[in-house]
């Protein structure tokens, strides 16, 4: 599935892009961390109102504490999915998962900041805590400084899938529509694309290319 990340710092930019994408069957729309920090949790409700009725709204809270509180805040504003940091204390994870089950919200654990060699073990621990969706994530600063993008995570994704067949795996970090073919043999369920769509001269065309590429990959 395609997840489009709205990592803006102004709600007007997010509204403009969402308006351009509204007629496309985008399964997951992410209200990015910068947008939530800049505009507040109300941005989740605004984006939900603009998205298609079938789209899932992900609030990228990157929760590190008060797991239940931040999950409930996002849910009250229309989030279907909330992210927590995989590096958070187990108590935070458990609180978020428990509140998510109560409210019908899925919890994704974001591995940003974790070394690749420790991620498989942490995923097993998270799975025991009730987390079934993992985002393997290369952050923007790491991409810029080290040149590590999500396309480097194909083998890691398959290692996790081989360990835990029921875990849903998403990958994010510098992915472009033309990169999607590289994931043909990868064990990935969700491809997250941000600026390659949202900051493209033609966001609608870029998103359409990504959806078409994912459709071709899924048929292989």
N, C-alpha and C. Protein backbone atom coordinates (compact mmCIF):
# COMPACT_ATOMS: atom_id res chain seq x y z
N UNK A 1 0.84 -1.19 0.00
CA UNK A 1 0.00 0.00 0.00
C UNK A 1 0.87 1.25 0.00
N UNK A 2 0.31 2.32 -0.50
CA UNK A 2 1.00 3.61 -0.50
C UNK A 2 0.55 4.44 0.70
N UNK A 3 1.51 5.03 1.38
CA UNK A 3 1.24 6.01 2.44
C UNK A 3 1.89 7.33 2.02
N UNK A 4 1.10 8.38 1.95
CA UNK A 4 1.62 9.70 1.58
C UNK A 4 1.79 10.51 2.86
N UNK A 5 3.02 10.98 3.07
CA UNK A 5 3.36 11.70 4.30
C UNK A 5 3.31 13.21 4.05
N UNK A 6 2.47 13.89 4.81
CA UNK A 6 2.34 15.34 4.72
C UNK A 6 3.23 15.97 5.79
N UNK A 7 4.51 16.09 5.47
CA UNK A 7 5.48 16.62 6.43
C UNK A 7 5.69 18.12 6.21
N UNK A 8 4.60 18.85 6.29
CA UNK A 8 4.66 20.30 6.13
C UNK A 8 4.71 20.98 7.50
N UNK A 9 5.00 22.27 7.49
CA UNK A 9 4.95 23.06 8.72
C UNK A 9 3.83 24.09 8.68
N UNK A 10 3.03 24.04 7.65
CA UNK A 10 1.88 24.94 7.54
C UNK A 10 0.67 24.18 7.02
N UNK A 11 -0.48 24.40 7.61
CA UNK A 11 -1.67 23.66 7.23
C UNK A 11 -2.12 24.03 5.81
N UNK A 12 -1.82 25.26 5.38
CA UNK A 12 -2.24 25.68 4.03
C UNK A 12 -1.58 24.83 2.95
N UNK A 13 -0.29 24.53 3.14
CA UNK A 13 0.41 23.68 2.17
C UNK A 13 -0.18 22.28 2.14
N UNK A 14 -0.49 21.75 3.32
CA UNK A 14 -1.07 20.41 3.41
C UNK A 14 -2.43 20.37 2.74
N UNK A 15 -3.22 21.40 2.94
CA UNK A 15 -4.55 21.46 2.33
C UNK A 15 -4.42 21.51 0.80
N UNK A 16 -3.47 22.30 0.32
CA UNK A 16 -3.28 22.41 -1.13
C UNK A 16 -2.95 21.06 -1.74
N UNK A 17 -2.03 20.32 -1.12
CA UNK A 17 -1.64 19.02 -1.66
C UNK A 17 -2.77 18.01 -1.54
N UNK A 18 -3.45 18.00 -0.40
CA UNK A 18 -4.56 17.05 -0.22
C UNK A 18 -5.67 17.31 -1.23
N UNK A 19 -5.92 18.57 -1.52
CA UNK A 19 -6.94 18.90 -2.51
C UNK A 19 -6.56 18.35 -3.88
N UNK A 20 -5.26 18.38 -4.19
CA UNK A 20 -4.78 17.88 -5.47
C UNK A 20 -4.85 16.35 -5.56
N UNK A 21 -4.76 15.68 -4.41
CA UNK A 21 -4.70 14.22 -4.40
C UNK A 21 -6.04 13.55 -4.11
N UNK A 22 -7.05 14.34 -3.85
CA UNK A 22 -8.28 13.81 -3.28
C UNK A 22 -8.95 12.74 -4.13
N UNK A 23 -8.81 12.82 -5.45
CA UNK A 23 -9.49 11.85 -6.31
C UNK A 23 -8.72 10.55 -6.48
N UNK A 24 -7.52 10.46 -5.90
CA UNK A 24 -6.71 9.25 -6.03
C UNK A 24 -6.98 8.28 -4.88
N UNK A 25 -6.93 6.98 -5.14
CA UNK A 25 -7.20 5.97 -4.10
C UNK A 25 -5.98 5.72 -3.21
N UNK A 26 -5.60 6.73 -2.44
CA UNK A 26 -4.44 6.60 -1.55
C UNK A 26 -4.90 5.94 -0.26
N UNK A 27 -4.37 4.76 0.06
CA UNK A 27 -4.86 4.01 1.22
C UNK A 27 -4.60 4.68 2.57
N UNK A 28 -3.40 5.30 2.72
CA UNK A 28 -3.02 5.86 4.02
C UNK A 28 -2.49 7.28 3.81
N UNK A 29 -3.05 8.22 4.56
CA UNK A 29 -2.58 9.60 4.54
C UNK A 29 -1.99 9.92 5.90
N UNK A 30 -0.72 10.31 5.89
CA UNK A 30 -0.01 10.60 7.14
C UNK A 30 0.01 12.09 7.44
N UNK A 31 -0.48 12.44 8.62
CA UNK A 31 -0.32 13.80 9.11
C UNK A 31 1.02 13.81 9.84
N UNK A 32 2.02 14.44 9.20
CA UNK A 32 3.40 14.32 9.66
C UNK A 32 3.67 15.00 10.99
N UNK A 33 4.76 14.58 11.61
CA UNK A 33 5.17 15.16 12.89
C UNK A 33 5.36 16.67 12.82
N UNK A 34 6.05 17.21 11.78
CA UNK A 34 6.20 18.66 11.72
C UNK A 34 4.86 19.39 11.66
N UNK A 35 3.89 18.83 10.93
CA UNK A 35 2.58 19.46 10.80
C UNK A 35 1.84 19.45 12.14
N UNK A 36 1.91 18.34 12.84
CA UNK A 36 1.25 18.26 14.15
C UNK A 36 1.89 19.22 15.14
N UNK A 37 3.22 19.32 15.11
CA UNK A 37 3.91 20.23 16.03
C UNK A 37 3.62 21.69 15.69
N UNK A 38 3.54 22.00 14.40
CA UNK A 38 3.34 23.38 13.99
C UNK A 38 1.89 23.83 14.15
N UNK A 39 0.95 22.97 13.82
CA UNK A 39 -0.45 23.36 13.77
C UNK A 39 -1.31 22.72 14.87
N UNK A 40 -0.72 21.78 15.60
CA UNK A 40 -1.48 21.13 16.66
C UNK A 40 -2.25 19.92 16.18
N UNK A 41 -2.85 19.25 17.13
CA UNK A 41 -3.58 18.01 16.84
C UNK A 41 -4.79 18.26 15.94
N UNK A 42 -5.25 19.51 15.87
CA UNK A 42 -6.38 19.83 15.00
C UNK A 42 -6.07 19.53 13.54
N UNK A 43 -4.78 19.50 13.18
CA UNK A 43 -4.41 19.21 11.80
C UNK A 43 -4.86 17.82 11.37
N UNK A 44 -4.95 16.90 12.32
CA UNK A 44 -5.41 15.54 11.99
C UNK A 44 -6.86 15.59 11.51
N UNK A 45 -7.69 16.34 12.22
CA UNK A 45 -9.10 16.45 11.82
C UNK A 45 -9.26 17.17 10.49
N UNK A 46 -8.43 18.18 10.25
CA UNK A 46 -8.52 18.93 8.99
C UNK A 46 -8.17 18.02 7.81
N UNK A 47 -7.09 17.26 7.94
CA UNK A 47 -6.69 16.36 6.86
C UNK A 47 -7.70 15.24 6.66
N UNK A 48 -8.25 14.74 7.73
CA UNK A 48 -9.27 13.68 7.61
C UNK A 48 -10.46 14.17 6.80
N UNK A 49 -10.86 15.42 7.01
CA UNK A 49 -12.00 15.97 6.28
C UNK A 49 -11.72 16.11 4.79
N UNK A 50 -10.45 16.24 4.43
CA UNK A 50 -10.08 16.40 3.02
C UNK A 50 -9.79 15.08 2.32
N UNK A 51 -9.45 14.06 3.07
CA UNK A 51 -9.09 12.77 2.48
C UNK A 51 -10.33 12.02 1.99
N UNK A 52 -10.10 11.04 1.13
CA UNK A 52 -11.23 10.22 0.67
C UNK A 52 -11.80 9.43 1.83
N UNK A 53 -13.05 9.03 1.69
CA UNK A 53 -13.74 8.34 2.78
C UNK A 53 -13.06 7.02 3.15
N UNK A 54 -12.39 6.40 2.17
CA UNK A 54 -11.76 5.10 2.41
C UNK A 54 -10.34 5.21 2.98
N UNK A 55 -9.77 6.38 2.97
CA UNK A 55 -8.38 6.53 3.41
C UNK A 55 -8.26 6.39 4.92
N UNK A 56 -7.18 5.74 5.34
CA UNK A 56 -6.84 5.68 6.75
C UNK A 56 -5.97 6.89 7.08
N UNK A 57 -6.23 7.53 8.22
CA UNK A 57 -5.48 8.70 8.62
C UNK A 57 -4.48 8.30 9.71
N UNK A 58 -3.21 8.54 9.43
CA UNK A 58 -2.15 8.21 10.37
C UNK A 58 -1.63 9.49 11.02
N UNK A 59 -1.66 9.54 12.33
CA UNK A 59 -1.10 10.66 13.08
C UNK A 59 0.30 10.27 13.51
N UNK A 60 1.30 10.94 12.92
CA UNK A 60 2.70 10.58 13.21
C UNK A 60 3.14 11.29 14.50
N UNK A 61 2.63 10.82 15.61
CA UNK A 61 2.91 11.44 16.91
C UNK A 61 4.33 11.15 17.40
N UNK A 62 4.90 10.02 16.95
CA UNK A 62 6.21 9.57 17.46
C UNK A 62 6.23 9.64 19.00
N UNK A 63 5.22 9.08 19.60
CA UNK A 63 5.05 9.14 21.05
C UNK A 63 6.21 8.49 21.79
N UNK A 64 6.73 9.21 22.79
CA UNK A 64 7.81 8.70 23.63
C UNK A 64 7.40 8.61 25.08
N UNK A 65 6.24 9.16 25.41
CA UNK A 65 5.72 9.13 26.78
C UNK A 65 4.21 9.31 26.71
N UNK A 66 3.55 9.09 27.82
CA UNK A 66 2.08 9.18 27.93
C UNK A 66 1.41 8.53 26.71
N UNK A 67 1.67 7.26 26.51
CA UNK A 67 1.17 6.54 25.34
C UNK A 67 -0.33 6.55 25.21
N UNK A 68 -1.04 6.35 26.32
CA UNK A 68 -2.50 6.33 26.27
C UNK A 68 -3.05 7.70 25.94
N UNK A 69 -2.49 8.75 26.57
CA UNK A 69 -2.98 10.10 26.35
C UNK A 69 -2.82 10.53 24.90
N UNK A 70 -1.63 10.35 24.34
CA UNK A 70 -1.40 10.81 22.97
C UNK A 70 -2.19 9.98 21.95
N UNK A 71 -2.38 8.71 22.25
CA UNK A 71 -3.21 7.88 21.37
C UNK A 71 -4.65 8.37 21.39
N UNK A 72 -5.17 8.66 22.56
CA UNK A 72 -6.56 9.12 22.66
C UNK A 72 -6.73 10.50 22.04
N UNK A 73 -5.73 11.38 22.18
CA UNK A 73 -5.79 12.70 21.56
C UNK A 73 -5.93 12.58 20.05
N UNK A 74 -5.08 11.74 19.47
CA UNK A 74 -5.12 11.56 18.02
C UNK A 74 -6.43 10.91 17.58
N UNK A 75 -6.89 9.93 18.33
CA UNK A 75 -8.13 9.24 17.97
C UNK A 75 -9.32 10.18 18.01
N UNK A 76 -9.36 11.06 19.00
CA UNK A 76 -10.49 12.01 19.11
C UNK A 76 -10.55 12.95 17.92
N UNK A 77 -9.42 13.15 17.25
CA UNK A 77 -9.39 14.03 16.10
C UNK A 77 -9.42 13.27 14.78
N UNK A 78 -9.73 11.97 14.85
CA UNK A 78 -9.98 11.22 13.63
C UNK A 78 -8.89 10.28 13.16
N UNK A 79 -7.84 10.11 13.94
CA UNK A 79 -6.75 9.22 13.51
C UNK A 79 -7.19 7.76 13.58
N UNK A 80 -6.81 7.01 12.58
CA UNK A 80 -7.03 5.56 12.57
C UNK A 80 -5.78 4.82 13.02
N UNK A 81 -4.63 5.47 12.88
CA UNK A 81 -3.33 4.88 13.20
C UNK A 81 -2.50 5.94 13.91
N UNK A 82 -1.73 5.51 14.92
CA UNK A 82 -0.87 6.42 15.67
C UNK A 82 0.51 5.79 15.78
N UNK A 83 1.55 6.61 15.64
CA UNK A 83 2.91 6.08 15.77
C UNK A 83 3.48 6.33 17.16
N UNK A 84 4.23 5.34 17.63
CA UNK A 84 5.02 5.47 18.85
C UNK A 84 6.47 5.16 18.48
N UNK A 85 7.39 5.68 19.24
CA UNK A 85 8.80 5.37 19.00
C UNK A 85 9.11 3.95 19.50
N UNK A 86 9.73 3.16 18.65
CA UNK A 86 10.10 1.80 19.04
C UNK A 86 11.08 1.81 20.21
N UNK A 87 11.81 2.90 20.36
CA UNK A 87 12.79 3.01 21.44
C UNK A 87 12.18 3.43 22.77
N UNK A 88 10.88 3.70 22.78
CA UNK A 88 10.22 4.11 24.02
C UNK A 88 10.22 2.97 25.03
N UNK A 89 10.06 3.34 26.29
CA UNK A 89 9.96 2.34 27.35
C UNK A 89 8.77 1.42 27.08
N UNK A 90 8.89 0.17 27.49
CA UNK A 90 7.81 -0.79 27.27
C UNK A 90 6.49 -0.32 27.87
N UNK A 91 6.55 0.39 29.00
CA UNK A 91 5.32 0.87 29.64
C UNK A 91 4.57 1.83 28.73
N UNK A 92 5.31 2.65 27.98
CA UNK A 92 4.69 3.58 27.04
C UNK A 92 4.02 2.81 25.90
N UNK A 93 4.72 1.82 25.38
CA UNK A 93 4.19 1.00 24.29
C UNK A 93 2.91 0.30 24.73
N UNK A 94 2.97 -0.32 25.89
CA UNK A 94 1.80 -1.05 26.40
C UNK A 94 0.61 -0.13 26.59
N UNK A 95 0.86 1.07 27.10
CA UNK A 95 -0.24 2.01 27.32
C UNK A 95 -0.88 2.42 26.00
N UNK A 96 -0.04 2.67 24.99
CA UNK A 96 -0.56 3.04 23.68
C UNK A 96 -1.36 1.90 23.06
N UNK A 97 -0.84 0.68 23.13
CA UNK A 97 -1.53 -0.48 22.56
C UNK A 97 -2.87 -0.71 23.25
N UNK A 98 -2.88 -0.62 24.57
CA UNK A 98 -4.12 -0.83 25.32
C UNK A 98 -5.16 0.21 24.95
N UNK A 99 -4.76 1.48 24.89
CA UNK A 99 -5.69 2.55 24.53
C UNK A 99 -6.14 2.40 23.08
N UNK A 100 -5.21 2.00 22.21
CA UNK A 100 -5.56 1.81 20.81
C UNK A 100 -6.62 0.73 20.63
N UNK A 101 -6.49 -0.37 21.35
CA UNK A 101 -7.49 -1.43 21.27
C UNK A 101 -8.85 -0.93 21.76
N UNK A 102 -8.83 -0.13 22.79
CA UNK A 102 -10.07 0.41 23.35
C UNK A 102 -10.78 1.32 22.35
N UNK A 103 -9.99 2.09 21.60
CA UNK A 103 -10.55 3.10 20.69
C UNK A 103 -10.60 2.66 19.23
N UNK A 104 -10.12 1.46 18.94
CA UNK A 104 -10.11 0.99 17.57
C UNK A 104 -9.06 1.64 16.70
N UNK A 105 -7.92 1.96 17.31
CA UNK A 105 -6.81 2.61 16.63
C UNK A 105 -5.61 1.67 16.58
N UNK A 106 -4.99 1.57 15.40
CA UNK A 106 -3.79 0.75 15.27
C UNK A 106 -2.56 1.53 15.73
N UNK A 107 -1.59 0.83 16.30
CA UNK A 107 -0.34 1.43 16.76
C UNK A 107 0.80 0.94 15.88
N UNK A 108 1.59 1.89 15.37
CA UNK A 108 2.79 1.57 14.61
C UNK A 108 4.00 1.96 15.44
N UNK A 109 4.97 1.08 15.52
CA UNK A 109 6.24 1.40 16.19
C UNK A 109 7.24 1.84 15.15
N UNK A 110 7.76 3.06 15.31
CA UNK A 110 8.71 3.68 14.38
C UNK A 110 10.13 3.43 14.88
N UNK A 111 10.96 2.81 14.05
CA UNK A 111 12.31 2.43 14.47
C UNK A 111 13.34 3.54 14.31
N UNK A 112 12.93 4.75 13.95
CA UNK A 112 13.88 5.84 13.74
C UNK A 112 14.79 5.98 14.96
N UNK A 113 16.09 6.11 14.70
CA UNK A 113 17.06 6.25 15.79
C UNK A 113 17.67 4.95 16.29
N UNK A 114 17.08 3.82 15.90
CA UNK A 114 17.63 2.52 16.31
C UNK A 114 18.62 2.02 15.26
N UNK A 115 19.73 1.43 15.70
CA UNK A 115 20.67 0.83 14.77
C UNK A 115 20.03 -0.39 14.11
N UNK A 116 20.28 -0.59 12.82
CA UNK A 116 19.67 -1.73 12.12
C UNK A 116 19.91 -3.07 12.81
N UNK A 117 21.09 -3.25 13.45
CA UNK A 117 21.40 -4.55 14.04
C UNK A 117 20.56 -4.85 15.29
N UNK A 118 19.97 -3.83 15.91
CA UNK A 118 19.16 -4.08 17.10
C UNK A 118 17.67 -4.13 16.79
N UNK A 119 17.32 -3.76 15.56
CA UNK A 119 15.89 -3.68 15.22
C UNK A 119 15.18 -5.04 15.28
N UNK A 120 15.75 -6.14 14.73
CA UNK A 120 15.02 -7.41 14.79
C UNK A 120 14.65 -7.84 16.20
N UNK A 121 15.58 -7.72 17.16
CA UNK A 121 15.28 -8.09 18.53
C UNK A 121 14.21 -7.18 19.12
N UNK A 122 14.31 -5.88 18.86
CA UNK A 122 13.32 -4.95 19.39
C UNK A 122 11.94 -5.23 18.81
N UNK A 123 11.90 -5.61 17.54
CA UNK A 123 10.61 -5.94 16.92
C UNK A 123 9.98 -7.15 17.60
N UNK A 124 10.80 -8.14 17.94
CA UNK A 124 10.26 -9.30 18.66
C UNK A 124 9.67 -8.88 20.00
N UNK A 125 10.36 -7.97 20.70
CA UNK A 125 9.86 -7.47 21.99
C UNK A 125 8.57 -6.68 21.80
N UNK A 126 8.53 -5.86 20.77
CA UNK A 126 7.34 -5.07 20.50
C UNK A 126 6.15 -5.97 20.15
N UNK A 127 6.44 -7.01 19.41
CA UNK A 127 5.38 -7.95 19.04
C UNK A 127 4.77 -8.59 20.29
N UNK A 128 5.60 -8.92 21.24
CA UNK A 128 5.11 -9.49 22.50
C UNK A 128 4.26 -8.49 23.28
N UNK A 129 4.53 -7.20 23.06
CA UNK A 129 3.75 -6.15 23.72
C UNK A 129 2.46 -5.82 22.99
N UNK A 130 2.25 -6.47 21.85
CA UNK A 130 1.01 -6.28 21.11
C UNK A 130 1.10 -5.40 19.89
N UNK A 131 2.32 -4.99 19.51
CA UNK A 131 2.50 -4.16 18.31
C UNK A 131 2.65 -5.08 17.09
N UNK A 132 1.82 -4.87 16.08
CA UNK A 132 1.86 -5.72 14.90
C UNK A 132 2.24 -4.97 13.63
N UNK A 133 2.52 -3.67 13.75
CA UNK A 133 2.92 -2.88 12.59
C UNK A 133 4.23 -2.17 12.93
N UNK A 134 5.22 -2.34 12.06
CA UNK A 134 6.55 -1.77 12.28
C UNK A 134 6.90 -0.86 11.11
N UNK A 135 7.40 0.33 11.43
CA UNK A 135 7.91 1.23 10.39
C UNK A 135 9.43 1.29 10.50
N UNK A 136 10.10 0.75 9.48
CA UNK A 136 11.56 0.85 9.41
C UNK A 136 11.87 2.18 8.74
N UNK A 137 12.54 3.04 9.45
CA UNK A 137 12.57 4.46 9.07
C UNK A 137 13.98 5.03 9.11
N UNK A 138 14.39 5.63 8.00
CA UNK A 138 15.62 6.40 7.95
C UNK A 138 15.24 7.88 7.96
N UNK A 139 15.61 8.60 9.02
CA UNK A 139 15.22 9.99 9.16
C UNK A 139 15.92 10.92 8.19
N UNK A 140 15.40 12.13 8.07
CA UNK A 140 15.91 13.08 7.09
C UNK A 140 17.37 13.45 7.35
N UNK A 141 17.72 13.68 8.61
CA UNK A 141 19.11 14.04 8.90
C UNK A 141 20.08 12.91 8.54
N UNK A 142 19.65 11.67 8.79
CA UNK A 142 20.49 10.52 8.44
C UNK A 142 20.62 10.40 6.92
N UNK A 143 19.54 10.64 6.21
CA UNK A 143 19.60 10.61 4.74
C UNK A 143 20.58 11.64 4.22
N UNK A 144 20.50 12.84 4.77
CA UNK A 144 21.35 13.93 4.27
C UNK A 144 22.82 13.72 4.62
N UNK A 145 23.07 13.24 5.83
CA UNK A 145 24.45 13.14 6.27
C UNK A 145 25.12 11.84 5.84
N UNK A 146 24.37 10.74 5.90
CA UNK A 146 24.96 9.43 5.63
C UNK A 146 24.50 8.81 4.31
N UNK A 147 23.49 9.40 3.72
CA UNK A 147 23.00 8.87 2.45
C UNK A 147 22.25 7.55 2.58
N UNK A 148 21.74 7.27 3.77
CA UNK A 148 21.01 6.01 3.99
C UNK A 148 19.53 6.25 3.77
N UNK A 149 18.98 5.58 2.75
CA UNK A 149 17.55 5.70 2.46
C UNK A 149 16.86 4.37 2.72
N UNK A 150 15.53 4.41 2.64
CA UNK A 150 14.75 3.21 2.93
C UNK A 150 15.03 2.07 1.98
N UNK A 151 15.55 2.36 0.79
CA UNK A 151 15.87 1.29 -0.15
C UNK A 151 16.97 0.37 0.39
N UNK A 152 17.66 0.80 1.44
CA UNK A 152 18.70 -0.03 2.07
C UNK A 152 18.10 -1.07 3.02
N UNK A 153 16.79 -1.02 3.25
CA UNK A 153 16.18 -1.83 4.31
C UNK A 153 15.49 -3.08 3.79
N UNK A 154 15.68 -3.43 2.52
CA UNK A 154 14.96 -4.58 1.99
C UNK A 154 15.33 -5.87 2.71
N UNK A 155 16.62 -6.12 2.92
CA UNK A 155 17.04 -7.35 3.59
C UNK A 155 16.57 -7.37 5.04
N UNK A 156 16.63 -6.21 5.70
CA UNK A 156 16.17 -6.13 7.09
C UNK A 156 14.68 -6.42 7.18
N UNK A 157 13.92 -5.91 6.23
CA UNK A 157 12.48 -6.17 6.23
C UNK A 157 12.19 -7.66 6.09
N UNK A 158 12.95 -8.34 5.23
CA UNK A 158 12.73 -9.77 5.03
C UNK A 158 13.17 -10.58 6.25
N UNK A 159 14.20 -10.13 6.94
CA UNK A 159 14.62 -10.82 8.17
C UNK A 159 13.50 -10.75 9.21
N UNK A 160 12.90 -9.57 9.33
CA UNK A 160 11.80 -9.41 10.28
C UNK A 160 10.61 -10.27 9.87
N UNK A 161 10.28 -10.26 8.58
CA UNK A 161 9.16 -11.06 8.08
C UNK A 161 9.39 -12.55 8.31
N UNK A 162 10.64 -13.01 8.12
CA UNK A 162 10.94 -14.42 8.35
C UNK A 162 10.82 -14.79 9.83
N UNK A 163 11.14 -13.84 10.70
CA UNK A 163 11.02 -14.09 12.14
C UNK A 163 9.57 -14.07 12.59
N UNK A 164 8.80 -13.12 12.05
CA UNK A 164 7.42 -12.90 12.50
C UNK A 164 6.54 -12.69 11.28
N UNK A 165 5.91 -13.74 10.85
CA UNK A 165 5.18 -13.69 9.58
C UNK A 165 3.95 -12.79 9.63
N UNK A 166 3.42 -12.52 10.83
CA UNK A 166 2.19 -11.74 10.91
C UNK A 166 2.43 -10.24 11.13
N UNK A 167 3.68 -9.81 11.16
CA UNK A 167 3.97 -8.39 11.35
C UNK A 167 3.81 -7.66 10.02
N UNK A 168 3.13 -6.52 10.07
CA UNK A 168 2.99 -5.65 8.91
C UNK A 168 4.18 -4.69 8.91
N UNK A 169 4.86 -4.58 7.77
CA UNK A 169 6.10 -3.80 7.69
C UNK A 169 5.93 -2.63 6.73
N UNK A 170 6.24 -1.44 7.22
CA UNK A 170 6.30 -0.28 6.35
C UNK A 170 7.73 0.24 6.33
N UNK A 171 8.09 0.91 5.25
CA UNK A 171 9.42 1.50 5.14
C UNK A 171 9.29 2.95 4.72
N UNK A 172 10.15 3.81 5.28
CA UNK A 172 10.10 5.22 4.92
C UNK A 172 11.48 5.84 5.01
N UNK A 173 11.68 6.85 4.18
CA UNK A 173 12.95 7.56 4.21
C UNK A 173 13.49 7.79 2.82
N UNK A 174 13.11 8.88 2.20
CA UNK A 174 13.67 9.26 0.90
C UNK A 174 13.21 8.44 -0.27
N UNK A 175 12.08 7.73 -0.15
CA UNK A 175 11.60 6.89 -1.26
C UNK A 175 10.95 7.77 -2.32
N UNK A 176 11.23 7.43 -3.58
CA UNK A 176 10.65 8.10 -4.74
C UNK A 176 9.78 7.10 -5.50
N UNK A 177 8.81 7.58 -6.28
CA UNK A 177 7.99 6.64 -7.05
C UNK A 177 8.80 5.67 -7.89
N UNK A 178 9.92 6.15 -8.45
CA UNK A 178 10.74 5.26 -9.30
C UNK A 178 11.51 4.21 -8.50
N UNK A 179 11.54 4.33 -7.17
CA UNK A 179 12.21 3.34 -6.33
C UNK A 179 11.35 2.12 -6.06
N UNK A 180 10.06 2.23 -6.32
CA UNK A 180 9.13 1.18 -5.89
C UNK A 180 9.44 -0.16 -6.52
N UNK A 181 9.89 -0.17 -7.77
CA UNK A 181 10.22 -1.44 -8.43
C UNK A 181 11.30 -2.21 -7.66
N UNK A 182 12.15 -1.49 -6.92
CA UNK A 182 13.21 -2.15 -6.15
C UNK A 182 12.64 -3.01 -5.03
N UNK A 183 11.39 -2.76 -4.66
CA UNK A 183 10.79 -3.50 -3.56
C UNK A 183 9.99 -4.70 -4.03
N UNK A 184 10.13 -5.07 -5.31
CA UNK A 184 9.37 -6.19 -5.86
C UNK A 184 9.57 -7.47 -5.06
N UNK A 185 10.81 -7.75 -4.68
CA UNK A 185 11.10 -8.98 -3.95
C UNK A 185 11.20 -8.75 -2.45
N UNK A 186 10.94 -7.52 -2.00
CA UNK A 186 11.09 -7.21 -0.57
C UNK A 186 9.84 -7.60 0.21
N UNK A 187 10.04 -7.77 1.51
CA UNK A 187 8.96 -8.20 2.39
C UNK A 187 8.30 -6.97 3.02
N UNK A 188 7.77 -6.11 2.19
CA UNK A 188 7.25 -4.82 2.63
C UNK A 188 5.78 -4.71 2.27
N UNK A 189 4.98 -4.21 3.21
CA UNK A 189 3.55 -4.06 2.99
C UNK A 189 3.14 -2.63 2.66
N UNK A 190 3.85 -1.67 3.23
CA UNK A 190 3.49 -0.26 3.06
C UNK A 190 4.72 0.54 2.65
N UNK A 191 4.60 1.28 1.57
CA UNK A 191 5.67 2.18 1.10
C UNK A 191 5.26 3.61 1.46
N UNK A 192 6.11 4.29 2.22
CA UNK A 192 5.80 5.66 2.64
C UNK A 192 6.59 6.64 1.77
N UNK A 193 5.88 7.55 1.13
CA UNK A 193 6.52 8.56 0.31
C UNK A 193 6.06 9.93 0.78
N UNK A 194 7.04 10.82 0.99
CA UNK A 194 6.74 12.17 1.44
C UNK A 194 6.99 13.18 0.37
N UNK A 195 8.15 13.86 0.45
CA UNK A 195 8.43 15.01 -0.40
C UNK A 195 8.48 14.68 -1.89
N UNK A 196 8.80 13.45 -2.25
CA UNK A 196 8.83 13.09 -3.67
C UNK A 196 7.46 13.22 -4.31
N UNK A 197 6.41 13.21 -3.49
CA UNK A 197 5.05 13.48 -3.96
C UNK A 197 4.62 14.88 -3.57
N UNK A 198 4.72 15.20 -2.29
CA UNK A 198 4.11 16.43 -1.79
C UNK A 198 4.82 17.70 -2.25
N UNK A 199 6.11 17.60 -2.57
CA UNK A 199 6.85 18.77 -3.03
C UNK A 199 7.20 18.70 -4.51
N UNK A 200 6.60 17.75 -5.18
CA UNK A 200 6.80 17.63 -6.63
C UNK A 200 6.06 18.76 -7.34
N UNK A 201 6.53 19.17 -8.53
CA UNK A 201 5.80 20.18 -9.30
C UNK A 201 4.36 19.77 -9.58
N UNK A 202 4.16 18.44 -9.72
CA UNK A 202 2.82 17.90 -9.98
C UNK A 202 2.57 16.77 -8.98
N UNK A 203 2.09 17.10 -7.76
CA UNK A 203 1.87 16.06 -6.75
C UNK A 203 0.90 14.97 -7.21
N UNK A 204 -0.13 15.35 -7.94
CA UNK A 204 -1.10 14.37 -8.42
C UNK A 204 -0.43 13.37 -9.35
N UNK A 205 0.38 13.87 -10.29
CA UNK A 205 1.06 12.97 -11.21
C UNK A 205 2.05 12.06 -10.50
N UNK A 206 2.78 12.60 -9.52
CA UNK A 206 3.75 11.79 -8.78
C UNK A 206 3.05 10.70 -7.98
N UNK A 207 1.94 11.04 -7.34
CA UNK A 207 1.19 10.04 -6.57
C UNK A 207 0.60 8.97 -7.49
N UNK A 208 0.11 9.39 -8.64
CA UNK A 208 -0.43 8.42 -9.60
C UNK A 208 0.64 7.46 -10.08
N UNK A 209 1.85 7.97 -10.33
CA UNK A 209 2.96 7.09 -10.74
C UNK A 209 3.28 6.09 -9.65
N UNK A 210 3.26 6.54 -8.39
CA UNK A 210 3.54 5.63 -7.28
C UNK A 210 2.48 4.55 -7.18
N UNK A 211 1.22 4.92 -7.31
CA UNK A 211 0.13 3.94 -7.24
C UNK A 211 0.23 2.94 -8.38
N UNK A 212 0.55 3.41 -9.57
CA UNK A 212 0.70 2.51 -10.72
C UNK A 212 1.87 1.56 -10.52
N UNK A 213 2.98 2.07 -9.99
CA UNK A 213 4.14 1.21 -9.73
C UNK A 213 3.81 0.15 -8.68
N UNK A 214 3.10 0.53 -7.66
CA UNK A 214 2.71 -0.44 -6.61
C UNK A 214 1.78 -1.49 -7.19
N UNK A 215 0.90 -1.09 -8.08
CA UNK A 215 0.00 -2.04 -8.72
C UNK A 215 0.78 -3.05 -9.54
N UNK A 216 1.80 -2.59 -10.26
CA UNK A 216 2.63 -3.52 -11.05
C UNK A 216 3.39 -4.47 -10.15
N UNK A 217 3.94 -3.94 -9.05
CA UNK A 217 4.69 -4.79 -8.12
C UNK A 217 3.81 -5.86 -7.51
N UNK A 218 2.58 -5.48 -7.14
CA UNK A 218 1.68 -6.43 -6.48
C UNK A 218 1.26 -7.56 -7.41
N UNK A 219 1.33 -7.33 -8.73
CA UNK A 219 0.94 -8.37 -9.69
C UNK A 219 2.06 -9.34 -9.98
N UNK A 220 3.28 -9.03 -9.54
CA UNK A 220 4.42 -9.91 -9.84
C UNK A 220 4.48 -11.07 -8.86
